[in-house]
Amino acid sequence: RRYGSATLPMDEVLVTAAVDLSGRPFCVWQAEVPPEVLGTFNAPLAEEFWRAVAMSGALNLHVLCHYGRNTHHIVEGIFKAAARALRQAVELDPRMTGVPSTKGVL
């Protein structure tokens, strides 16, 4: 399908992730992640992780945390929304043939 998006509620948090498997790497990050350690994971590193995924995977990724306070819920919501968006983007659409681009190439 090339494109995917997901909005995910997790208790008091609402997160949206959108992806375009365009071959043009870019990451827009609009999520305030409090400087907290979750187990052994430094929560603010979530942004660096997803920026690296976008750059290494040559995909366009947008992450927005609309609201929420609990660090665990914010980070988990981001990972789950991004995973669902990616799953949608890599799904095959049986109605489409060829490359999903008006230019014919990604």
C-alpha atoms as a PDB file:
ATOM      1  CA  ARG A   1       0.000   0.000   0.000  1.00  0.00           C
ATOM      2  CA  ARG A   2       3.010   2.315   0.569  1.00  0.00           C
ATOM      3  CA  TYR A   3       1.135   4.541   3.061  1.00  0.00           C
ATOM      4  CA  GLY A   4       0.003   3.670   6.553  1.00  0.00           C
ATOM      5  CA  SER A   5      -1.275   5.462   9.600  1.00  0.00           C
ATOM      6  CA  ALA A   6      -2.603   4.630  13.029  1.00  0.00           C
ATOM      7  CA  THR A   7      -4.033   6.583  15.915  1.00  0.00           C
ATOM      8  CA  LEU A   8      -3.756   4.732  19.180  1.00  0.00           C
ATOM      9  CA  PRO A   9      -5.245   5.516  22.600  1.00  0.00           C
ATOM     10  CA  MET A  10      -3.407   4.198  25.649  1.00  0.00           C
ATOM     11  CA  ASP A  11      -5.168   5.237  28.817  1.00  0.00           C
ATOM     12  CA  GLU A  12      -4.699   9.050  29.016  1.00  0.00           C
ATOM     13  CA  VAL A  13      -2.406   9.186  25.945  1.00  0.00           C
ATOM     14  CA  LEU A  14      -3.360   9.587  22.284  1.00  0.00           C
ATOM     15  CA  VAL A  15      -0.673   9.004  19.643  1.00  0.00           C
ATOM     16  CA  THR A  16      -0.730   9.122  15.830  1.00  0.00           C
ATOM     17  CA  ALA A  17       1.925   7.686  13.537  1.00  0.00           C
ATOM     18  CA  ALA A  18       1.950   7.973   9.742  1.00  0.00           C
ATOM     19  CA  VAL A  19       4.418   6.470   7.291  1.00  0.00           C
ATOM     20  CA  ASP A  20       5.206   6.693   3.572  1.00  0.00           C
ATOM     21  CA  LEU A  21       7.555   4.055   2.168  1.00  0.00           C
ATOM     22  CA  SER A  22       8.748   6.549  -0.419  1.00  0.00           C
ATOM     23  CA  GLY A  23      12.481   5.963  -0.342  1.00  0.00           C
ATOM     24  CA  ARG A  24      12.888   9.564   0.878  1.00  0.00           C
ATOM     25  CA  PRO A  25      13.965   9.464   4.541  1.00  0.00           C
ATOM     26  CA  PHE A  26      12.482  12.068   6.849  1.00  0.00           C
ATOM     27  CA  CYS A  27      11.173  12.078  10.404  1.00  0.00           C
ATOM     28  CA  VAL A  28       8.789  14.558  11.987  1.00  0.00           C
ATOM     29  CA  TRP A  29       8.653  14.126  15.762  1.00  0.00           C
ATOM     30  CA  GLN A  30       6.036  15.984  17.781  1.00  0.00           C
ATOM     31  CA  ALA A  31       6.102  14.103  21.059  1.00  0.00           C
ATOM     32  CA  GLU A  32       7.277  15.333  24.431  1.00  0.00           C
ATOM     33  CA  VAL A  33       8.829  12.327  26.164  1.00  0.00           C
ATOM     34  CA  PRO A  34       9.711  13.074  29.800  1.00  0.00           C
ATOM     35  CA  PRO A  35      13.357  12.380  30.743  1.00  0.00           C
ATOM     36  CA  GLU A  36      12.727   9.156  32.594  1.00  0.00           C
ATOM     37  CA  VAL A  37      14.235   5.661  32.607  1.00  0.00           C
ATOM     38  CA  LEU A  38      11.747   2.832  31.995  1.00  0.00           C
ATOM     39  CA  GLY A  39      13.431  -0.307  33.289  1.00  0.00           C
ATOM     40  CA  THR A  40      16.775   0.023  31.510  1.00  0.00           C
ATOM     41  CA  PHE A  41      15.449   2.134  28.611  1.00  0.00           C
ATOM     42  CA  ASN A  42      16.110   5.880  28.615  1.00  0.00           C
ATOM     43  CA  ALA A  43      12.680   7.056  27.379  1.00  0.00           C
ATOM     44  CA  PRO A  44      13.871  10.125  25.395  1.00  0.00           C
ATOM     45  CA  LEU A  45      15.933   7.739  23.219  1.00  0.00           C
ATOM     46  CA  ALA A  46      12.644   6.671  21.591  1.00  0.00           C
ATOM     47  CA  GLU A  47      12.983   9.703  19.322  1.00  0.00           C
ATOM     48  CA  GLU A  48      16.514   8.724  18.269  1.00  0.00           C
ATOM     49  CA  PHE A  49      15.373   5.154  17.640  1.00  0.00           C
ATOM     50  CA  TRP A  50      12.553   6.209  15.291  1.00  0.00           C
ATOM     51  CA  ARG A  51      14.739   8.798  13.525  1.00  0.00           C
ATOM     52  CA  ALA A  52      17.261   6.015  12.853  1.00  0.00           C
ATOM     53  CA  VAL A  53      14.484   3.736  11.560  1.00  0.00           C
ATOM     54  CA  ALA A  54      13.297   6.474   9.177  1.00  0.00           C
ATOM     55  CA  MET A  55      16.798   7.255   7.903  1.00  0.00           C
ATOM     56  CA  SER A  56      17.984   3.643   7.619  1.00  0.00           C
ATOM     57  CA  GLY A  57      14.691   2.429   6.157  1.00  0.00           C
ATOM     58  CA  ALA A  58      14.416   5.371   3.735  1.00  0.00           C
ATOM     59  CA  LEU A  59      10.886   6.103   4.882  1.00  0.00           C
ATOM     60  CA  ASN A  60       8.943   9.201   5.781  1.00  0.00           C
ATOM     61  CA  LEU A  61       7.692   8.970   9.368  1.00  0.00           C
ATOM     62  CA  HIS A  62       5.501  11.342  11.349  1.00  0.00           C
ATOM     63  CA  VAL A  63       4.931  10.770  15.072  1.00  0.00           C
ATOM     64  CA  LEU A  64       2.558  12.950  17.080  1.00  0.00           C
ATOM     65  CA  CYS A  65       1.635  12.591  20.725  1.00  0.00           C
ATOM     66  CA  HIS A  66      -1.565  14.623  20.958  1.00  0.00           C
ATOM     67  CA  TYR A  67      -1.639  14.521  24.759  1.00  0.00           C
ATOM     68  CA  GLY A  68      -0.748  12.444  27.785  1.00  0.00           C
ATOM     69  CA  ARG A  69       1.503  12.496  30.837  1.00  0.00           C
ATOM     70  CA  ASN A  70       2.572   8.968  31.730  1.00  0.00           C
ATOM     71  CA  THR A  71       5.993   8.319  30.171  1.00  0.00           C
ATOM     72  CA  HIS A  72       5.413   4.578  29.850  1.00  0.00           C
ATOM     73  CA  HIS A  73       2.093   5.121  28.056  1.00  0.00           C
ATOM     74  CA  ILE A  74       3.599   7.739  25.717  1.00  0.00           C
ATOM     75  CA  VAL A  75       6.517   5.530  24.668  1.00  0.00           C
ATOM     76  CA  GLU A  76       4.434   2.355  24.371  1.00  0.00           C
ATOM     77  CA  GLY A  77       1.766   4.222  22.407  1.00  0.00           C
ATOM     78  CA  ILE A  78       4.382   5.564  19.982  1.00  0.00           C
ATOM     79  CA  PHE A  79       5.883   2.114  19.363  1.00  0.00           C
ATOM     80  CA  LYS A  80       2.473   0.483  18.874  1.00  0.00           C
ATOM     81  CA  ALA A  81       1.107   3.225  16.601  1.00  0.00           C
ATOM     82  CA  ALA A  82       4.270   3.192  14.474  1.00  0.00           C
ATOM     83  CA  ALA A  83       4.168  -0.610  14.227  1.00  0.00           C
ATOM     84  CA  ARG A  84       0.536  -0.545  13.091  1.00  0.00           C
ATOM     85  CA  ALA A  85       1.272   2.182  10.536  1.00  0.00           C
ATOM     86  CA  LEU A  86       4.197   0.170   9.156  1.00  0.00           C
ATOM     87  CA  ARG A  87       2.086  -2.989   8.996  1.00  0.00           C
ATOM     88  CA  GLN A  88      -0.544  -1.128   6.990  1.00  0.00           C
ATOM     89  CA  ALA A  89       2.051   0.393   4.638  1.00  0.00           C
ATOM     90  CA  VAL A  90       3.638  -2.956   3.730  1.00  0.00           C
ATOM     91  CA  GLU A  91       0.296  -4.690   3.131  1.00  0.00           C
ATOM     92  CA  LEU A  92      -0.401  -5.684  -0.450  1.00  0.00           C
ATOM     93  CA  ASP A  93      -3.518  -4.198  -2.009  1.00  0.00           C
ATOM     94  CA  PRO A  94      -4.962  -6.757  -4.445  1.00  0.00           C
ATOM     95  CA  ARG A  95      -6.653  -3.950  -6.408  1.00  0.00           C
ATOM     96  CA  MET A  96      -3.328  -2.356  -7.304  1.00  0.00           C
ATOM     97  CA  THR A  97      -0.685  -3.497  -9.754  1.00  0.00           C
ATOM     98  CA  GLY A  98       2.766  -2.069 -10.231  1.00  0.00           C
ATOM     99  CA  VAL A  99       4.508   0.538  -8.151  1.00  0.00           C
ATOM    100  CA  PRO A 100       2.247   2.683  -5.910  1.00  0.00           C
ATOM    101  CA  SER A 101       3.441   5.964  -7.420  1.00  0.00           C
ATOM    102  CA  THR A 102       2.131   8.285 -10.128  1.00  0.00           C
ATOM    103  CA  LYS A 103       5.717   8.536 -11.379  1.00  0.00           C
ATOM    104  CA  GLY A 104       5.967   4.766 -11.739  1.00  0.00           C
ATOM    105  CA  VAL A 105       9.009   4.581  -9.490  1.00  0.00           C
ATOM    106  CA  LEU A 106       9.740   5.153  -5.812  1.00  0.00           C
END
